[in-house]
């Protein structure tokens, strides 16, 4: 099925739809079972808690995105994501925030940083 993706927000939503959502409670249970099973790759000292505020975290749906993230942890952090790694899940990321538009503040900047061009630049 071909989709007509016009705006950068439409394209970003399509990309994010491919991600795997993980309830933060799953990450907490893994951490309780083995404290070293999940470790943060972003700079943690500016945060109060080990996990982000938002209760959902994600893994990428495509290995190319995960490979890109491994090489661009600082860019992910600059886009407002906290990035973790786990042997079973690979790269896991979350947002430390609530009450504002995640697409404008996080997802669209990440889409742009990733260099994706699924949108019509004239839209």
C-alpha atoms as a PDB file:
ATOM      1  CA  UNK A   1       0.000   0.000   0.000  1.00  0.00           C
ATOM      2  CA  UNK A   2       1.431   3.354  -1.023  1.00  0.00           C
ATOM      3  CA  UNK A   3       0.920   6.219   1.380  1.00  0.00           C
ATOM      4  CA  UNK A   4       0.853   9.866   0.371  1.00  0.00           C
ATOM      5  CA  UNK A   5       3.145  11.547   2.852  1.00  0.00           C
ATOM      6  CA  UNK A   6       3.116  15.278   2.375  1.00  0.00           C
ATOM      7  CA  UNK A   7       4.174  17.211   5.471  1.00  0.00           C
ATOM      8  CA  UNK A   8       7.176  16.613   7.653  1.00  0.00           C
ATOM      9  CA  UNK A   9       4.807  15.865  10.546  1.00  0.00           C
ATOM     10  CA  UNK A  10       3.006  13.191   8.487  1.00  0.00           C
ATOM     11  CA  UNK A  11       6.332  11.635   7.544  1.00  0.00           C
ATOM     12  CA  UNK A  12       7.573  11.743  11.129  1.00  0.00           C
ATOM     13  CA  UNK A  13       4.365  10.119  12.401  1.00  0.00           C
ATOM     14  CA  UNK A  14       4.787   7.350   9.827  1.00  0.00           C
ATOM     15  CA  UNK A  15       8.364   6.748  10.994  1.00  0.00           C
ATOM     16  CA  UNK A  16       7.497   6.782  14.699  1.00  0.00           C
ATOM     17  CA  UNK A  17       4.631   4.342  14.042  1.00  0.00           C
ATOM     18  CA  UNK A  18       7.327   1.767  13.165  1.00  0.00           C
ATOM     19  CA  UNK A  19       8.880   1.996  16.643  1.00  0.00           C
ATOM     20  CA  UNK A  20       8.206  -0.567  19.350  1.00  0.00           C
ATOM     21  CA  UNK A  21       6.607   0.922  22.466  1.00  0.00           C
ATOM     22  CA  UNK A  22       7.721  -0.575  25.764  1.00  0.00           C
ATOM     23  CA  UNK A  23       5.978   0.238  29.046  1.00  0.00           C
ATOM     24  CA  UNK A  24       8.520   1.695  31.427  1.00  0.00           C
ATOM     25  CA  UNK A  25       7.397  -0.878  34.004  1.00  0.00           C
ATOM     26  CA  UNK A  26       9.081  -3.570  31.865  1.00  0.00           C
ATOM     27  CA  UNK A  27      12.363  -1.663  32.006  1.00  0.00           C
ATOM     28  CA  UNK A  28      11.989  -1.241  35.781  1.00  0.00           C
ATOM     29  CA  UNK A  29      11.397  -4.994  36.222  1.00  0.00           C
ATOM     30  CA  UNK A  30      14.492  -5.798  34.174  1.00  0.00           C
ATOM     31  CA  UNK A  31      16.442  -3.355  36.335  1.00  0.00           C
ATOM     32  CA  UNK A  32      15.127  -4.942  39.548  1.00  0.00           C
ATOM     33  CA  UNK A  33      16.050  -8.424  38.328  1.00  0.00           C
ATOM     34  CA  UNK A  34      19.543  -7.405  37.218  1.00  0.00           C
ATOM     35  CA  UNK A  35      20.699  -3.906  38.133  1.00  0.00           C
ATOM     36  CA  UNK A  36      23.306  -3.900  35.336  1.00  0.00           C
ATOM     37  CA  UNK A  37      20.942  -5.102  32.591  1.00  0.00           C
ATOM     38  CA  UNK A  38      19.959  -1.596  31.481  1.00  0.00           C
ATOM     39  CA  UNK A  39      22.463   1.215  31.349  1.00  0.00           C
ATOM     40  CA  UNK A  40      22.157   4.787  30.202  1.00  0.00           C
ATOM     41  CA  UNK A  41      24.223   5.975  27.242  1.00  0.00           C
ATOM     42  CA  UNK A  42      23.247   9.648  27.542  1.00  0.00           C
ATOM     43  CA  UNK A  43      24.634  11.932  30.226  1.00  0.00           C
ATOM     44  CA  UNK A  44      22.614  11.110  33.355  1.00  0.00           C
ATOM     45  CA  UNK A  45      23.850  13.800  35.759  1.00  0.00           C
ATOM     46  CA  UNK A  46      21.273  16.375  34.659  1.00  0.00           C
ATOM     47  CA  UNK A  47      18.389  14.073  35.599  1.00  0.00           C
ATOM     48  CA  UNK A  48      16.917  13.160  38.969  1.00  0.00           C
ATOM     49  CA  UNK A  49      15.702   9.629  38.238  1.00  0.00           C
ATOM     50  CA  UNK A  50      17.257   6.672  36.445  1.00  0.00           C
ATOM     51  CA  UNK A  51      14.400   6.503  33.920  1.00  0.00           C
ATOM     52  CA  UNK A  52      12.657   9.324  32.053  1.00  0.00           C
ATOM     53  CA  UNK A  53       9.448  10.887  33.300  1.00  0.00           C
ATOM     54  CA  UNK A  54       7.256   9.665  30.403  1.00  0.00           C
ATOM     55  CA  UNK A  55       5.921   6.146  31.071  1.00  0.00           C
ATOM     56  CA  UNK A  56       6.576   4.738  27.597  1.00  0.00           C
ATOM     57  CA  UNK A  57       9.947   4.016  26.065  1.00  0.00           C
ATOM     58  CA  UNK A  58      10.772   2.815  22.562  1.00  0.00           C
ATOM     59  CA  UNK A  59      13.064   0.701  20.467  1.00  0.00           C
ATOM     60  CA  UNK A  60      13.552   1.319  16.777  1.00  0.00           C
ATOM     61  CA  UNK A  61      11.679  -0.853  14.305  1.00  0.00           C
ATOM     62  CA  UNK A  62      14.625  -0.964  11.896  1.00  0.00           C
ATOM     63  CA  UNK A  63      18.215  -1.958  12.600  1.00  0.00           C
ATOM     64  CA  UNK A  64      19.496   0.903  10.406  1.00  0.00           C
ATOM     65  CA  UNK A  65      17.879   3.380  12.795  1.00  0.00           C
ATOM     66  CA  UNK A  66      19.425   1.597  15.772  1.00  0.00           C
ATOM     67  CA  UNK A  67      22.853   1.620  14.108  1.00  0.00           C
ATOM     68  CA  UNK A  68      22.466   5.344  13.449  1.00  0.00           C
ATOM     69  CA  UNK A  69      21.472   5.948  17.088  1.00  0.00           C
ATOM     70  CA  UNK A  70      24.521   4.061  18.404  1.00  0.00           C
ATOM     71  CA  UNK A  71      26.743   6.399  16.395  1.00  0.00           C
ATOM     72  CA  UNK A  72      24.756   9.521  17.325  1.00  0.00           C
ATOM     73  CA  UNK A  73      23.950   9.307  21.034  1.00  0.00           C
ATOM     74  CA  UNK A  74      24.697  13.010  21.525  1.00  0.00           C
ATOM     75  CA  UNK A  75      22.305  13.966  18.709  1.00  0.00           C
ATOM     76  CA  UNK A  76      19.590  11.827  20.312  1.00  0.00           C
ATOM     77  CA  UNK A  77      20.246  13.606  23.612  1.00  0.00           C
ATOM     78  CA  UNK A  78      20.206  17.007  21.865  1.00  0.00           C
ATOM     79  CA  UNK A  79      16.741  16.074  20.510  1.00  0.00           C
ATOM     80  CA  UNK A  80      15.587  15.500  24.095  1.00  0.00           C
ATOM     81  CA  UNK A  81      15.865  11.718  24.358  1.00  0.00           C
ATOM     82  CA  UNK A  82      17.474   9.677  27.061  1.00  0.00           C
ATOM     83  CA  UNK A  83      19.100   6.621  25.532  1.00  0.00           C
ATOM     84  CA  UNK A  84      19.765   3.276  27.193  1.00  0.00           C
ATOM     85  CA  UNK A  85      21.076  -0.095  26.126  1.00  0.00           C
ATOM     86  CA  UNK A  86      20.074  -3.626  27.051  1.00  0.00           C
ATOM     87  CA  UNK A  87      21.494  -6.897  25.702  1.00  0.00           C
ATOM     88  CA  UNK A  88      18.034  -8.181  24.751  1.00  0.00           C
ATOM     89  CA  UNK A  89      16.319  -5.007  23.509  1.00  0.00           C
ATOM     90  CA  UNK A  90      19.314  -3.115  22.143  1.00  0.00           C
ATOM     91  CA  UNK A  91      18.871   0.657  22.104  1.00  0.00           C
ATOM     92  CA  UNK A  92      15.947   1.858  24.243  1.00  0.00           C
ATOM     93  CA  UNK A  93      15.021   5.531  24.417  1.00  0.00           C
ATOM     94  CA  UNK A  94      12.569   7.725  26.248  1.00  0.00           C
ATOM     95  CA  UNK A  95      11.487  11.312  26.780  1.00  0.00           C
ATOM     96  CA  UNK A  96      11.967  13.118  30.063  1.00  0.00           C
ATOM     97  CA  UNK A  97       8.996  15.446  29.809  1.00  0.00           C
ATOM     98  CA  UNK A  98       5.232  15.800  29.691  1.00  0.00           C
ATOM     99  CA  UNK A  99       2.521  18.306  28.847  1.00  0.00           C
ATOM    100  CA  UNK A 100       3.729  19.592  25.483  1.00  0.00           C
ATOM    101  CA  UNK A 101       3.848  18.522  21.827  1.00  0.00           C
ATOM    102  CA  UNK A 102       6.376  15.677  21.564  1.00  0.00           C
ATOM    103  CA  UNK A 103       6.309  15.819  17.780  1.00  0.00           C
ATOM    104  CA  UNK A 104       7.408  19.444  17.612  1.00  0.00           C
ATOM    105  CA  UNK A 105       9.915  19.143  20.453  1.00  0.00           C
ATOM    106  CA  UNK A 106      11.410  15.678  19.939  1.00  0.00           C
ATOM    107  CA  UNK A 107      10.198  13.506  17.066  1.00  0.00           C
ATOM    108  CA  UNK A 108      10.464  16.009  14.182  1.00  0.00           C
ATOM    109  CA  UNK A 109      13.939  17.182  15.292  1.00  0.00           C
ATOM    110  CA  UNK A 110      15.005  13.513  15.469  1.00  0.00           C
ATOM    111  CA  UNK A 111      13.530  12.811  12.014  1.00  0.00           C
ATOM    112  CA  UNK A 112      15.501  15.763  10.625  1.00  0.00           C
ATOM    113  CA  UNK A 113      18.686  14.769  12.449  1.00  0.00           C
ATOM    114  CA  UNK A 114      18.323  11.231  11.101  1.00  0.00           C
ATOM    115  CA  UNK A 115      18.357  12.751   7.604  1.00  0.00           C
ATOM    116  CA  UNK A 116      15.067  11.232   6.501  1.00  0.00           C
ATOM    117  CA  UNK A 117      13.342  12.774   3.485  1.00  0.00           C
ATOM    118  CA  UNK A 118       9.981  11.035   3.361  1.00  0.00           C
ATOM    119  CA  UNK A 119       8.113  14.332   3.139  1.00  0.00           C
ATOM    120  CA  UNK A 120       7.461  16.815   0.372  1.00  0.00           C
ATOM    121  CA  UNK A 121       9.848  19.679   1.115  1.00  0.00           C
ATOM    122  CA  UNK A 122       7.438  22.090  -0.625  1.00  0.00           C
ATOM    123  CA  UNK A 123       4.509  21.182   1.647  1.00  0.00           C
END
